[in-house]
Protein backbone atom coordinates (compact mmCIF):
# COMPACT_ATOMS: atom_id res chain seq x y z
CA MET A 1 -3.53 34.68 28.92
CA THR A 2 -2.67 34.55 32.38
CA GLY A 3 -1.54 32.01 34.78
CA LYS A 4 -0.82 29.29 31.74
CA LEU A 5 2.65 27.95 31.16
CA LEU A 6 4.08 26.22 27.92
CA PRO A 7 5.79 23.33 29.01
CA GLU A 8 9.37 23.76 29.08
CA ASN A 9 10.37 22.54 25.66
CA GLY A 10 7.41 24.85 24.57
CA LYS A 11 5.13 21.65 22.68
CA VAL A 12 2.01 21.66 23.85
CA GLY A 13 0.76 18.10 24.21
CA GLU A 14 3.89 16.52 24.15
CA ASN A 15 3.42 12.69 25.53
CA VAL A 16 -0.60 13.00 26.68
CA LYS A 17 -1.99 9.61 26.14
CA PHE A 18 -4.76 9.26 24.05
CA ASP A 19 -6.69 6.23 23.15
CA ARG A 20 -8.32 6.72 19.68
CA ILE A 21 -12.33 6.41 19.03
CA ARG A 22 -14.01 5.30 15.95
CA ARG A 23 -17.36 4.94 14.79
CA ILE A 24 -17.94 1.81 12.89
CA THR A 25 -21.64 0.41 12.43
CA GLY A 26 -23.17 3.03 14.46
CA TYR A 27 -20.97 2.36 17.78
CA LEU A 28 -18.45 4.15 19.38
CA VAL A 29 -15.57 1.52 20.11
CA GLY A 30 -12.17 2.08 21.20
CA THR A 31 -11.27 -1.45 19.90
CA THR A 32 -11.83 -4.09 17.36
CA ASP A 33 -11.12 -7.32 20.10
CA ARG A 34 -14.84 -7.97 20.22
CA PHE A 35 -15.91 -7.81 16.87
CA ASN A 36 -16.50 -10.39 14.38
CA ASP A 37 -15.08 -11.63 11.26
CA ALA A 38 -17.60 -9.37 8.66
CA LYS A 39 -17.35 -6.31 11.13
CA ARG A 40 -13.38 -6.70 10.53
CA ALA A 41 -13.59 -7.04 7.58
CA GLU A 42 -15.48 -3.75 6.58
CA GLU A 43 -13.02 -2.44 9.17
CA LYS A 44 -9.91 -3.23 6.73
CA ASP A 45 -11.85 -2.51 3.21
CA ARG A 46 -12.47 1.30 4.52
CA VAL A 47 -10.07 4.14 3.04
CA LYS A 48 -7.38 5.40 4.96
CA HIS A 49 -7.74 8.85 5.40
CA THR A 50 -3.75 10.61 6.43
CA LEU A 51 -3.09 14.53 7.06
CA SER A 52 -0.52 15.58 4.81
């Protein structure tokens, strides 16, 4: 791959910020700060999956 260099530490994506986007009740949202209590409760009760 010519023209593409790795950072000095060799880690791609190091110190790259990103926003988490989720689909809740049919809407793409970044934060739940505008949700009512019912939608916040639904999000809280969901099963959280992790990478292991």
